[in-house]
């Protein structure tokens, strides 16, 4: 069973930066595609970014050019560097594992709150 723990959230002013971390245990991390998602109050959870086991990345249009996803397979960690943050980036951010056999993300972490003030 894979377990994920996110950290690094906080309160930041618009234009600022944060780096989120997601630590994995209980599985073969280096084999996984990892995703970042977010959920704002009253909204559905949405895709933010993903990184494959070999480092190919994909981003939602709303964060392209501002966010960067990376991973360190030796440490079982995935990161989300968020720059030029906007108030609309305020949300709880989650990481998850892509489960290819079910064609879905699963093993969600508990999330970390990001609040961007204007």
PDB file of N, CA and C in Angstrom:
ATOM      1  N   UNK A   1       0.843  -1.182   0.000  1.00  0.00           N
ATOM      2  CA  UNK A   1       0.000   0.000   0.000  1.00  0.00           C
ATOM      3  C   UNK A   1       0.893   1.251   0.000  1.00  0.00           C
ATOM      4  N   UNK A   2       0.638   2.139  -0.954  1.00  0.00           N
ATOM      5  CA  UNK A   2       1.415   3.373  -1.040  1.00  0.00           C
ATOM      6  C   UNK A   2       0.829   4.404  -0.088  1.00  0.00           C
ATOM      7  N   UNK A   3       1.699   5.102   0.608  1.00  0.00           N
ATOM      8  CA  UNK A   3       1.281   6.211   1.463  1.00  0.00           C
ATOM      9  C   UNK A   3       2.012   7.473   1.035  1.00  0.00           C
ATOM     10  N   UNK A   4       1.264   8.570   0.956  1.00  0.00           N
ATOM     11  CA  UNK A   4       1.807   9.840   0.512  1.00  0.00           C
ATOM     12  C   UNK A   4       1.580  10.900   1.576  1.00  0.00           C
ATOM     13  N   UNK A   5       2.583  11.745   1.782  1.00  0.00           N
ATOM     14  CA  UNK A   5       2.471  12.834   2.748  1.00  0.00           C
ATOM     15  C   UNK A   5       2.954  14.124   2.097  1.00  0.00           C
ATOM     16  N   UNK A   6       2.040  15.102   1.999  1.00  0.00           N
ATOM     17  CA  UNK A   6       2.385  16.394   1.428  1.00  0.00           C
ATOM     18  C   UNK A   6       2.817  17.368   2.526  1.00  0.00           C
ATOM     19  N   UNK A   7       3.653  18.310   2.147  1.00  0.00           N
ATOM     20  CA  UNK A   7       4.067  19.364   3.068  1.00  0.00           C
ATOM     21  C   UNK A   7       4.501  20.578   2.271  1.00  0.00           C
ATOM     22  N   UNK A   8       4.692  21.691   2.977  1.00  0.00           N
ATOM     23  CA  UNK A   8       5.224  22.876   2.335  1.00  0.00           C
ATOM     24  C   UNK A   8       4.220  23.980   2.061  1.00  0.00           C
ATOM     25  N   UNK A   9       2.956  23.724   2.349  1.00  0.00           N
ATOM     26  CA  UNK A   9       1.958  24.765   2.127  1.00  0.00           C
ATOM     27  C   UNK A   9       2.100  25.905   3.122  1.00  0.00           C
ATOM     28  N   UNK A  10       1.322  26.961   2.884  1.00  0.00           N
ATOM     29  CA  UNK A  10       1.362  28.098   3.787  1.00  0.00           C
ATOM     30  C   UNK A  10       0.654  29.292   3.210  1.00  0.00           C
ATOM     31  N   UNK A  11       0.871  30.428   3.864  1.00  0.00           N
ATOM     32  CA  UNK A  11       0.284  31.688   3.426  1.00  0.00           C
ATOM     33  C   UNK A  11       1.364  32.520   2.744  1.00  0.00           C
ATOM     34  N   UNK A  12       1.045  33.015   1.558  1.00  0.00           N
ATOM     35  CA  UNK A  12       2.013  33.795   0.793  1.00  0.00           C
ATOM     36  C   UNK A  12       1.280  34.916   0.073  1.00  0.00           C
ATOM     37  N   UNK A  13       1.961  36.007  -0.155  1.00  0.00           N
ATOM     38  CA  UNK A  13       1.364  37.112  -0.902  1.00  0.00           C
ATOM     39  C   UNK A  13       1.390  36.817  -2.397  1.00  0.00           C
ATOM     40  N   UNK A  14       0.498  37.418  -3.102  1.00  0.00           N
ATOM     41  CA  UNK A  14       0.466  37.283  -4.558  1.00  0.00           C
ATOM     42  C   UNK A  14       1.828  37.678  -5.122  1.00  0.00           C
ATOM     43  N   UNK A  15       2.292  36.875  -6.084  1.00  0.00           N
ATOM     44  CA  UNK A  15       3.615  37.089  -6.660  1.00  0.00           C
ATOM     45  C   UNK A  15       4.709  36.301  -5.977  1.00  0.00           C
ATOM     46  N   UNK A  16       4.391  35.723  -4.849  1.00  0.00           N
ATOM     47  CA  UNK A  16       5.366  34.957  -4.105  1.00  0.00           C
ATOM     48  C   UNK A  16       5.509  33.532  -4.597  1.00  0.00           C
ATOM     49  N   UNK A  17       6.327  32.766  -3.876  1.00  0.00           N
ATOM     50  CA  UNK A  17       6.625  31.398  -4.270  1.00  0.00           C
ATOM     51  C   UNK A  17       6.494  30.447  -3.076  1.00  0.00           C
ATOM     52  N   UNK A  18       6.178  29.207  -3.389  1.00  0.00           N
ATOM     53  CA  UNK A  18       6.180  28.125  -2.414  1.00  0.00           C
ATOM     54  C   UNK A  18       6.672  26.869  -3.109  1.00  0.00           C
ATOM     55  N   UNK A  19       7.255  25.978  -2.327  1.00  0.00           N
ATOM     56  CA  UNK A  19       7.651  24.672  -2.846  1.00  0.00           C
ATOM     57  C   UNK A  19       6.963  23.598  -2.024  1.00  0.00           C
ATOM     58  N   UNK A  20       6.117  22.830  -2.681  1.00  0.00           N
ATOM     59  CA  UNK A  20       5.439  21.727  -2.028  1.00  0.00           C
ATOM     60  C   UNK A  20       6.253  20.453  -2.199  1.00  0.00           C
ATOM     61  N   UNK A  21       6.176  19.603  -1.194  1.00  0.00           N
ATOM     62  CA  UNK A  21       6.851  18.312  -1.232  1.00  0.00           C
ATOM     63  C   UNK A  21       5.845  17.201  -0.993  1.00  0.00           C
ATOM     64  N   UNK A  22       6.126  16.056  -1.567  1.00  0.00           N
ATOM     65  CA  UNK A  22       5.287  14.879  -1.365  1.00  0.00           C
ATOM     66  C   UNK A  22       6.217  13.685  -1.197  1.00  0.00           C
ATOM     67  N   UNK A  23       6.164  13.068  -0.015  1.00  0.00           N
ATOM     68  CA  UNK A  23       6.973  11.902   0.265  1.00  0.00           C
ATOM     69  C   UNK A  23       6.166  10.627   0.137  1.00  0.00           C
ATOM     70  N   UNK A  24       6.748   9.611  -0.473  1.00  0.00           N
ATOM     71  CA  UNK A  24       6.053   8.346  -0.704  1.00  0.00           C
ATOM     72  C   UNK A  24       6.725   7.213   0.053  1.00  0.00           C
ATOM     73  N   UNK A  25       5.909   6.289   0.506  1.00  0.00           N
ATOM     74  CA  UNK A  25       6.422   5.085   1.137  1.00  0.00           C
ATOM     75  C   UNK A  25       5.504   3.910   0.797  1.00  0.00           C
ATOM     76  N   UNK A  26       6.038   2.704   0.905  1.00  0.00           N
ATOM     77  CA  UNK A  26       5.218   1.521   0.733  1.00  0.00           C
ATOM     78  C   UNK A  26       5.081   1.027  -0.682  1.00  0.00           C
ATOM     79  N   UNK A  27       5.847   1.529  -1.607  1.00  0.00           N
ATOM     80  CA  UNK A  27       5.748   1.057  -2.976  1.00  0.00           C
ATOM     81  C   UNK A  27       7.025   1.298  -3.737  1.00  0.00           C
ATOM     82  N   UNK A  28       6.982   1.073  -5.030  1.00  0.00           N
ATOM     83  CA  UNK A  28       8.152   1.280  -5.881  1.00  0.00           C
ATOM     84  C   UNK A  28       8.037   2.656  -6.518  1.00  0.00           C
ATOM     85  N   UNK A  29       8.463   3.661  -5.799  1.00  0.00           N
ATOM     86  CA  UNK A  29       8.237   5.055  -6.200  1.00  0.00           C
ATOM     87  C   UNK A  29       8.777   5.337  -7.591  1.00  0.00           C
ATOM     88  N   UNK A  30       9.944   4.824  -7.889  1.00  0.00           N
ATOM     89  CA  UNK A  30      10.588   5.169  -9.162  1.00  0.00           C
ATOM     90  C   UNK A  30       9.783   4.703 -10.371  1.00  0.00           C
ATOM     91  N   UNK A  31       8.851   3.791 -10.184  1.00  0.00           N
ATOM     92  CA  UNK A  31       8.046   3.270 -11.287  1.00  0.00           C
ATOM     93  C   UNK A  31       6.770   4.065 -11.526  1.00  0.00           C
ATOM     94  N   UNK A  32       6.448   4.985 -10.612  1.00  0.00           N
ATOM     95  CA  UNK A  32       5.150   5.645 -10.671  1.00  0.00           C
ATOM     96  C   UNK A  32       5.174   6.953 -11.445  1.00  0.00           C
ATOM     97  N   UNK A  33       4.088   7.218 -12.169  1.00  0.00           N
ATOM     98  CA  UNK A  33       3.769   8.568 -12.574  1.00  0.00           C
ATOM     99  C   UNK A  33       3.078   9.227 -11.385  1.00  0.00           C
ATOM    100  N   UNK A  34       3.530  10.419 -11.028  1.00  0.00           N
ATOM    101  CA  UNK A  34       2.986  11.140  -9.880  1.00  0.00           C
ATOM    102  C   UNK A  34       2.254  12.388 -10.350  1.00  0.00           C
ATOM    103  N   UNK A  35       1.154  12.668  -9.683  1.00  0.00           N
ATOM    104  CA  UNK A  35       0.372  13.849 -10.045  1.00  0.00           C
ATOM    105  C   UNK A  35       0.160  14.775  -8.867  1.00  0.00           C
ATOM    106  N   UNK A  36      -0.006  16.056  -9.190  1.00  0.00           N
ATOM    107  CA  UNK A  36      -0.422  17.064  -8.214  1.00  0.00           C
ATOM    108  C   UNK A  36      -1.809  17.561  -8.624  1.00  0.00           C
ATOM    109  N   UNK A  37      -2.664  17.686  -7.644  1.00  0.00           N
ATOM    110  CA  UNK A  37      -4.013  18.183  -7.847  1.00  0.00           C
ATOM    111  C   UNK A  37      -4.295  19.247  -6.787  1.00  0.00           C
ATOM    112  N   UNK A  38      -5.367  20.003  -6.994  1.00  0.00           N
ATOM    113  CA  UNK A  38      -5.768  20.975  -5.986  1.00  0.00           C
ATOM    114  C   UNK A  38      -7.281  21.070  -5.934  1.00  0.00           C
ATOM    115  N   UNK A  39      -7.774  21.473  -4.771  1.00  0.00           N
ATOM    116  CA  UNK A  39      -9.208  21.667  -4.597  1.00  0.00           C
ATOM    117  C   UNK A  39      -9.434  22.936  -3.799  1.00  0.00           C
ATOM    118  N   UNK A  40     -10.101  23.877  -4.433  1.00  0.00           N
ATOM    119  CA  UNK A  40     -10.460  25.132  -3.790  1.00  0.00           C
ATOM    120  C   UNK A  40     -11.830  24.987  -3.139  1.00  0.00           C
ATOM    121  N   UNK A  41     -12.139  25.811  -2.154  1.00  0.00           N
ATOM    122  CA  UNK A  41     -13.440  25.718  -1.481  1.00  0.00           C
ATOM    123  C   UNK A  41     -14.585  25.828  -2.464  1.00  0.00           C
ATOM    124  N   UNK A  42     -15.516  24.892  -2.397  1.00  0.00           N
ATOM    125  CA  UNK A  42     -16.679  24.925  -3.255  1.00  0.00           C
ATOM    126  C   UNK A  42     -16.442  24.486  -4.677  1.00  0.00           C
ATOM    127  N   UNK A  43     -15.235  24.024  -4.967  1.00  0.00           N
ATOM    128  CA  UNK A  43     -14.912  23.597  -6.335  1.00  0.00           C
ATOM    129  C   UNK A  43     -14.475  22.145  -6.349  1.00  0.00           C
ATOM    130  N   UNK A  44     -14.512  21.558  -7.530  1.00  0.00           N
ATOM    131  CA  UNK A  44     -14.057  20.183  -7.681  1.00  0.00           C
ATOM    132  C   UNK A  44     -12.525  20.146  -7.718  1.00  0.00           C
ATOM    133  N   UNK A  45     -12.011  19.004  -7.370  1.00  0.00           N
ATOM    134  CA  UNK A  45     -10.570  18.812  -7.446  1.00  0.00           C
ATOM    135  C   UNK A  45     -10.129  18.883  -8.901  1.00  0.00           C
ATOM    136  N   UNK A  46      -9.005  19.550  -9.154  1.00  0.00           N
ATOM    137  CA  UNK A  46      -8.531  19.707 -10.517  1.00  0.00           C
ATOM    138  C   UNK A  46      -7.064  19.320 -10.637  1.00  0.00           C
ATOM    139  N   UNK A  47      -6.717  18.874 -11.823  1.00  0.00           N
ATOM    140  CA  UNK A  47      -5.346  18.497 -12.137  1.00  0.00           C
ATOM    141  C   UNK A  47      -4.460  19.736 -12.198  1.00  0.00           C
ATOM    142  N   UNK A  48      -3.250  19.609 -11.656  1.00  0.00           N
ATOM    143  CA  UNK A  48      -2.286  20.703 -11.704  1.00  0.00           C
ATOM    144  C   UNK A  48      -1.077  20.316 -12.548  1.00  0.00           C
ATOM    145  N   UNK A  49      -0.463  19.187 -12.214  1.00  0.00           N
ATOM    146  CA  UNK A  49       0.765  18.793 -12.914  1.00  0.00           C
ATOM    147  C   UNK A  49       1.010  17.314 -12.685  1.00  0.00           C
ATOM    148  N   UNK A  50       1.831  16.734 -13.564  1.00  0.00           N
ATOM    149  CA  UNK A  50       2.208  15.340 -13.415  1.00  0.00           C
ATOM    150  C   UNK A  50       3.622  15.141 -13.926  1.00  0.00           C
ATOM    151  N   UNK A  51       4.257  14.095 -13.436  1.00  0.00           N
ATOM    152  CA  UNK A  51       5.605  13.751 -13.889  1.00  0.00           C
ATOM    153  C   UNK A  51       5.703  12.232 -13.974  1.00  0.00           C
ATOM    154  N   UNK A  52       6.201  11.749 -15.124  1.00  0.00           N
ATOM    155  CA  UNK A  52       6.325  10.308 -15.308  1.00  0.00           C
ATOM    156  C   UNK A  52       7.585   9.808 -14.603  1.00  0.00           C
ATOM    157  N   UNK A  53       7.745   8.506 -14.630  1.00  0.00           N
ATOM    158  CA  UNK A  53       8.892   7.902 -13.941  1.00  0.00           C
ATOM    159  C   UNK A  53      10.216   8.337 -14.572  1.00  0.00           C
ATOM    160  N   UNK A  54      10.159   8.768 -15.847  1.00  0.00           N
ATOM    161  CA  UNK A  54      11.398   9.197 -16.508  1.00  0.00           C
ATOM    162  C   UNK A  54      11.460  10.723 -16.634  1.00  0.00           C
ATOM    163  N   UNK A  55      10.570  11.409 -15.960  1.00  0.00           N
ATOM    164  CA  UNK A  55      10.692  12.854 -15.872  1.00  0.00           C
ATOM    165  C   UNK A  55       9.947  13.666 -16.910  1.00  0.00           C
ATOM    166  N   UNK A  56       9.073  13.040 -17.682  1.00  0.00           N
ATOM    167  CA  UNK A  56       8.247  13.797 -18.616  1.00  0.00           C
ATOM    168  C   UNK A  56       7.140  14.486 -17.821  1.00  0.00           C
ATOM    169  N   UNK A  57       6.958  15.774 -18.074  1.00  0.00           N
ATOM    170  CA  UNK A  57       6.019  16.560 -17.277  1.00  0.00           C
ATOM    171  C   UNK A  57       4.832  17.040 -18.098  1.00  0.00           C
ATOM    172  N   UNK A  58       3.760  17.340 -17.391  1.00  0.00           N
ATOM    173  CA  UNK A  58       2.547  17.840 -18.007  1.00  0.00           C
ATOM    174  C   UNK A  58       1.905  18.801 -17.015  1.00  0.00           C
ATOM    175  N   UNK A  59       1.315  19.896 -17.538  1.00  0.00           N
ATOM    176  CA  UNK A  59       0.759  20.921 -16.667  1.00  0.00           C
ATOM    177  C   UNK A  59      -0.622  21.360 -17.131  1.00  0.00           C
ATOM    178  N   UNK A  60      -1.425  21.773 -16.173  1.00  0.00           N
ATOM    179  CA  UNK A  60      -2.661  22.448 -16.505  1.00  0.00           C
ATOM    180  C   UNK A  60      -2.319  23.805 -17.115  1.00  0.00           C
ATOM    181  N   UNK A  61      -3.160  24.258 -18.043  1.00  0.00           N
ATOM    182  CA  UNK A  61      -2.891  25.534 -18.699  1.00  0.00           C
ATOM    183  C   UNK A  61      -2.785  26.682 -17.704  1.00  0.00           C
ATOM    184  N   UNK A  62      -3.542  26.591 -16.626  1.00  0.00           N
ATOM    185  CA  UNK A  62      -3.594  27.685 -15.662  1.00  0.00           C
ATOM    186  C   UNK A  62      -2.283  27.874 -14.895  1.00  0.00           C
ATOM    187  N   UNK A  63      -1.398  26.873 -14.918  1.00  0.00           N
ATOM    188  CA  UNK A  63      -0.150  26.980 -14.153  1.00  0.00           C
ATOM    189  C   UNK A  63       1.093  26.911 -15.029  1.00  0.00           C
ATOM    190  N   UNK A  64       0.917  26.700 -16.315  1.00  0.00           N
ATOM    191  CA  UNK A  64       2.071  26.610 -17.215  1.00  0.00           C
ATOM    192  C   UNK A  64       2.901  27.878 -17.151  1.00  0.00           C
ATOM    193  N   UNK A  65       4.208  27.703 -17.055  1.00  0.00           N
ATOM    194  CA  UNK A  65       5.111  28.845 -16.972  1.00  0.00           C
ATOM    195  C   UNK A  65       5.309  29.374 -15.565  1.00  0.00           C
ATOM    196  N   UNK A  66       4.493  28.920 -14.618  1.00  0.00           N
ATOM    197  CA  UNK A  66       4.621  29.382 -13.232  1.00  0.00           C
ATOM    198  C   UNK A  66       4.990  28.244 -12.279  1.00  0.00           C
ATOM    199  N   UNK A  67       4.500  27.054 -12.542  1.00  0.00           N
ATOM    200  CA  UNK A  67       4.747  25.898 -11.676  1.00  0.00           C
ATOM    201  C   UNK A  67       5.695  24.930 -12.370  1.00  0.00           C
ATOM    202  N   UNK A  68       6.465  24.213 -11.562  1.00  0.00           N
ATOM    203  CA  UNK A  68       7.363  23.195 -12.092  1.00  0.00           C
ATOM    204  C   UNK A  68       7.348  21.979 -11.171  1.00  0.00           C
ATOM    205  N   UNK A  69       7.095  20.821 -11.767  1.00  0.00           N
ATOM    206  CA  UNK A  69       7.081  19.569 -11.005  1.00  0.00           C
ATOM    207  C   UNK A  69       8.408  18.847 -11.227  1.00  0.00           C
ATOM    208  N   UNK A  70       8.916  18.240 -10.180  1.00  0.00           N
ATOM    209  CA  UNK A  70      10.170  17.494 -10.273  1.00  0.00           C
ATOM    210  C   UNK A  70      10.115  16.325  -9.297  1.00  0.00           C
ATOM    211  N   UNK A  71      11.077  15.444  -9.416  1.00  0.00           N
ATOM    212  CA  UNK A  71      11.101  14.281  -8.522  1.00  0.00           C
ATOM    213  C   UNK A  71      12.534  13.884  -8.206  1.00  0.00           C
ATOM    214  N   UNK A  72      12.690  13.237  -7.062  1.00  0.00           N
ATOM    215  CA  UNK A  72      13.962  12.673  -6.655  1.00  0.00           C
ATOM    216  C   UNK A  72      13.679  11.219  -6.285  1.00  0.00           C
ATOM    217  N   UNK A  73      13.946  10.317  -7.211  1.00  0.00           N
ATOM    218  CA  UNK A  73      13.617   8.909  -6.976  1.00  0.00           C
ATOM    219  C   UNK A  73      14.450   8.309  -5.844  1.00  0.00           C
ATOM    220  N   UNK A  74      15.639   8.825  -5.627  1.00  0.00           N
ATOM    221  CA  UNK A  74      16.478   8.308  -4.545  1.00  0.00           C
ATOM    222  C   UNK A  74      15.877   8.611  -3.173  1.00  0.00           C
ATOM    223  N   UNK A  75      15.105   9.691  -3.105  1.00  0.00           N
ATOM    224  CA  UNK A  75      14.492  10.096  -1.830  1.00  0.00           C
ATOM    225  C   UNK A  75      13.000   9.797  -1.770  1.00  0.00           C
ATOM    226  N   UNK A  76      12.460   9.204  -2.843  1.00  0.00           N
ATOM    227  CA  UNK A  76      11.012   8.935  -2.912  1.00  0.00           C
ATOM    228  C   UNK A  76      10.192  10.219  -2.723  1.00  0.00           C
ATOM    229  N   UNK A  77      10.627  11.273  -3.387  1.00  0.00           N
ATOM    230  CA  UNK A  77       9.988  12.573  -3.233  1.00  0.00           C
ATOM    231  C   UNK A  77       9.593  13.148  -4.585  1.00  0.00           C
ATOM    232  N   UNK A  78       8.477  13.863  -4.586  1.00  0.00           N
ATOM    233  CA  UNK A  78       8.069  14.662  -5.735  1.00  0.00           C
ATOM    234  C   UNK A  78       7.787  16.066  -5.215  1.00  0.00           C
ATOM    235  N   UNK A  79       8.119  17.060  -6.051  1.00  0.00           N
ATOM    236  CA  UNK A  79       8.030  18.449  -5.629  1.00  0.00           C
ATOM    237  C   UNK A  79       7.175  19.252  -6.610  1.00  0.00           C
ATOM    238  N   UNK A  80       6.620  20.328  -6.096  1.00  0.00           N
ATOM    239  CA  UNK A  80       5.912  21.279  -6.949  1.00  0.00           C
ATOM    240  C   UNK A  80       6.407  22.676  -6.566  1.00  0.00           C
ATOM    241  N   UNK A  81       7.228  23.247  -7.443  1.00  0.00           N
ATOM    242  CA  UNK A  81       7.691  24.612  -7.258  1.00  0.00           C
ATOM    243  C   UNK A  81       6.660  25.551  -7.851  1.00  0.00           C
ATOM    244  N   UNK A  82       6.141  26.443  -7.032  1.00  0.00           N
ATOM    245  CA  UNK A  82       5.079  27.345  -7.475  1.00  0.00           C
ATOM    246  C   UNK A  82       5.589  28.778  -7.387  1.00  0.00           C
ATOM    247  N   UNK A  83       5.675  29.428  -8.521  1.00  0.00           N
ATOM    248  CA  UNK A  83       6.154  30.811  -8.593  1.00  0.00           C
ATOM    249  C   UNK A  83       5.052  31.724  -9.077  1.00  0.00           C
ATOM    250  N   UNK A  84       5.230  33.013  -8.843  1.00  0.00           N
ATOM    251  CA  UNK A  84       4.259  34.015  -9.274  1.00  0.00           C
ATOM    252  C   UNK A  84       2.842  33.589  -8.889  1.00  0.00           C
ATOM    253  N   UNK A  85       2.675  33.254  -7.639  1.00  0.00           N
ATOM    254  CA  UNK A  85       1.386  32.764  -7.168  1.00  0.00           C
ATOM    255  C   UNK A  85       0.314  33.829  -7.245  1.00  0.00           C
ATOM    256  N   UNK A  86      -0.895  33.379  -7.515  1.00  0.00           N
ATOM    257  CA  UNK A  86      -2.057  34.254  -7.649  1.00  0.00           C
ATOM    258  C   UNK A  86      -3.111  33.845  -6.621  1.00  0.00           C
ATOM    259  N   UNK A  87      -3.988  34.758  -6.249  1.00  0.00           N
ATOM    260  CA  UNK A  87      -5.051  34.391  -5.298  1.00  0.00           C
ATOM    261  C   UNK A  87      -5.867  33.184  -5.747  1.00  0.00           C
ATOM    262  N   UNK A  88      -6.044  33.025  -7.043  1.00  0.00           N
ATOM    263  CA  UNK A  88      -6.815  31.881  -7.550  1.00  0.00           C
ATOM    264  C   UNK A  88      -6.076  30.553  -7.417  1.00  0.00           C
ATOM    265  N   UNK A  89      -4.823  30.587  -6.998  1.00  0.00           N
ATOM    266  CA  UNK A  89      -4.096  29.342  -6.706  1.00  0.00           C
ATOM    267  C   UNK A  89      -4.407  28.816  -5.297  1.00  0.00           C
ATOM    268  N   UNK A  90      -5.143  29.589  -4.525  1.00  0.00           N
ATOM    269  CA  UNK A  90      -5.508  29.166  -3.178  1.00  0.00           C
ATOM    270  C   UNK A  90      -6.327  27.885  -3.223  1.00  0.00           C
ATOM    271  N   UNK A  91      -5.854  26.870  -2.509  1.00  0.00           N
ATOM    272  CA  UNK A  91      -6.504  25.559  -2.524  1.00  0.00           C
ATOM    273  C   UNK A  91      -5.748  24.619  -1.596  1.00  0.00           C
ATOM    274  N   UNK A  92      -6.339  23.470  -1.378  1.00  0.00           N
ATOM    275  CA  UNK A  92      -5.610  22.363  -0.762  1.00  0.00           C
ATOM    276  C   UNK A  92      -4.968  21.570  -1.895  1.00  0.00           C
ATOM    277  N   UNK A  93      -3.680  21.334  -1.776  1.00  0.00           N
ATOM    278  CA  UNK A  93      -2.932  20.646  -2.816  1.00  0.00           C
ATOM    279  C   UNK A  93      -2.641  19.204  -2.376  1.00  0.00           C
ATOM    280  N   UNK A  94      -2.862  18.289  -3.302  1.00  0.00           N
ATOM    281  CA  UNK A  94      -2.694  16.860  -3.049  1.00  0.00           C
ATOM    282  C   UNK A  94      -1.749  16.243  -4.068  1.00  0.00           C
ATOM    283  N   UNK A  95      -1.025  15.231  -3.648  1.00  0.00           N
ATOM    284  CA  UNK A  95      -0.303  14.406  -4.610  1.00  0.00           C
ATOM    285  C   UNK A  95      -0.967  13.032  -4.652  1.00  0.00           C
ATOM    286  N   UNK A  96      -0.729  12.342  -5.752  1.00  0.00           N
ATOM    287  CA  UNK A  96      -1.360  11.036  -5.954  1.00  0.00           C
ATOM    288  C   UNK A  96      -0.527  10.220  -6.925  1.00  0.00           C
ATOM    289  N   UNK A  97      -0.782   8.943  -6.937  1.00  0.00           N
ATOM    290  CA  UNK A  97      -0.089   7.996  -7.813  1.00  0.00           C
ATOM    291  C   UNK A  97      -1.006   7.608  -8.957  1.00  0.00           C
ATOM    292  N   UNK A  98      -0.466   7.587 -10.169  1.00  0.00           N
ATOM    293  CA  UNK A  98      -1.244   7.088 -11.315  1.00  0.00           C
ATOM    294  C   UNK A  98      -1.224   5.565 -11.287  1.00  0.00           C
ATOM    295  N   UNK A  99      -2.414   4.991 -11.185  1.00  0.00           N
ATOM    296  CA  UNK A  99      -2.542   3.533 -11.170  1.00  0.00           C
ATOM    297  C   UNK A  99      -2.934   3.102 -12.575  1.00  0.00           C
ATOM    298  N   UNK A 100      -1.966   2.603 -13.327  1.00  0.00           N
ATOM    299  CA  UNK A 100      -2.198   2.311 -14.741  1.00  0.00           C
ATOM    300  C   UNK A 100      -3.264   1.234 -14.946  1.00  0.00           C
ATOM    301  N   UNK A 101      -3.310   0.249 -14.051  1.00  0.00           N
ATOM    302  CA  UNK A 101      -4.270  -0.842 -14.215  1.00  0.00           C
ATOM    303  C   UNK A 101      -5.707  -0.366 -14.109  1.00  0.00           C
ATOM    304  N   UNK A 102      -5.922   0.765 -13.460  1.00  0.00           N
ATOM    305  CA  UNK A 102      -7.280   1.306 -13.313  1.00  0.00           C
ATOM    306  C   UNK A 102      -7.464   2.606 -14.063  1.00  0.00           C
ATOM    307  N   UNK A 103      -6.400   3.088 -14.694  1.00  0.00           N
ATOM    308  CA  UNK A 103      -6.436   4.355 -15.437  1.00  0.00           C
ATOM    309  C   UNK A 103      -6.990   5.487 -14.583  1.00  0.00           C
ATOM    310  N   UNK A 104      -6.455   5.587 -13.375  1.00  0.00           N
ATOM    311  CA  UNK A 104      -6.890   6.659 -12.482  1.00  0.00           C
ATOM    312  C   UNK A 104      -5.791   6.935 -11.461  1.00  0.00           C
ATOM    313  N   UNK A 105      -5.875   8.119 -10.857  1.00  0.00           N
ATOM    314  CA  UNK A 105      -4.994   8.452  -9.750  1.00  0.00           C
ATOM    315  C   UNK A 105      -5.589   7.925  -8.448  1.00  0.00           C
ATOM    316  N   UNK A 106      -4.722   7.474  -7.550  1.00  0.00           N
ATOM    317  CA  UNK A 106      -5.164   6.937  -6.263  1.00  0.00           C
ATOM    318  C   UNK A 106      -4.066   7.150  -5.232  1.00  0.00           C
ATOM    319  N   UNK A 107      -4.321   6.675  -4.023  1.00  0.00           N
ATOM    320  CA  UNK A 107      -3.398   6.776  -2.885  1.00  0.00           C
ATOM    321  C   UNK A 107      -3.120   8.236  -2.544  1.00  0.00           C
ATOM    322  N   UNK A 108      -4.199   8.983  -2.394  1.00  0.00           N
ATOM    323  CA  UNK A 108      -4.094  10.412  -2.144  1.00  0.00           C
ATOM    324  C   UNK A 108      -3.489  10.683  -0.774  1.00  0.00           C
ATOM    325  N   UNK A 109      -2.701  11.755  -0.711  1.00  0.00           N
ATOM    326  CA  UNK A 109      -2.202  12.217   0.568  1.00  0.00           C
ATOM    327  C   UNK A 109      -3.273  13.020   1.282  1.00  0.00           C
ATOM    328  N   UNK A 110      -2.913  13.590   2.434  1.00  0.00           N
ATOM    329  CA  UNK A 110      -3.889  14.335   3.237  1.00  0.00           C
ATOM    330  C   UNK A 110      -4.048  15.772   2.752  1.00  0.00           C
ATOM    331  N   UNK A 111      -3.129  16.210   1.923  1.00  0.00           N
ATOM    332  CA  UNK A 111      -3.193  17.554   1.372  1.00  0.00           C
ATOM    333  C   UNK A 111      -2.445  18.576   2.210  1.00  0.00           C
ATOM    334  N   UNK A 112      -2.087  19.667   1.549  1.00  0.00           N
ATOM    335  CA  UNK A 112      -1.441  20.786   2.234  1.00  0.00           C
ATOM    336  C   UNK A 112      -2.077  22.076   1.736  1.00  0.00           C
ATOM    337  N   UNK A 113      -2.412  22.971   2.658  1.00  0.00           N
ATOM    338  CA  UNK A 113      -3.146  24.185   2.314  1.00  0.00           C
ATOM    339  C   UNK A 113      -2.200  25.250   1.783  1.00  0.00           C
ATOM    340  N   UNK A 114      -2.575  25.818   0.654  1.00  0.00           N
ATOM    341  CA  UNK A 114      -1.873  26.968   0.093  1.00  0.00           C
ATOM    342  C   UNK A 114      -2.857  28.129   0.032  1.00  0.00           C
ATOM    343  N   UNK A 115      -2.493  29.231   0.647  1.00  0.00           N
ATOM    344  CA  UNK A 115      -3.335  30.419   0.638  1.00  0.00           C
ATOM    345  C   UNK A 115      -2.520  31.583   0.094  1.00  0.00           C
ATOM    346  N   UNK A 116      -3.057  32.214  -0.960  1.00  0.00           N
ATOM    347  CA  UNK A 116      -2.379  33.336  -1.596  1.00  0.00           C
ATOM    348  C   UNK A 116      -3.214  34.584  -1.362  1.00  0.00           C
ATOM    349  N   UNK A 117      -2.644  35.544  -0.684  1.00  0.00           N
ATOM    350  CA  UNK A 117      -3.355  36.788  -0.388  1.00  0.00           C
ATOM    351  C   UNK A 117      -3.066  37.826  -1.465  1.00  0.00           C
ATOM    352  N   UNK A 118      -4.067  38.658  -1.704  1.00  0.00           N
ATOM    353  CA  UNK A 118      -3.916  39.693  -2.752  1.00  0.00           C
ATOM    354  C   UNK A 118      -3.345  40.978  -2.189  1.00  0.00           C
TER     355      UNK A 118
END
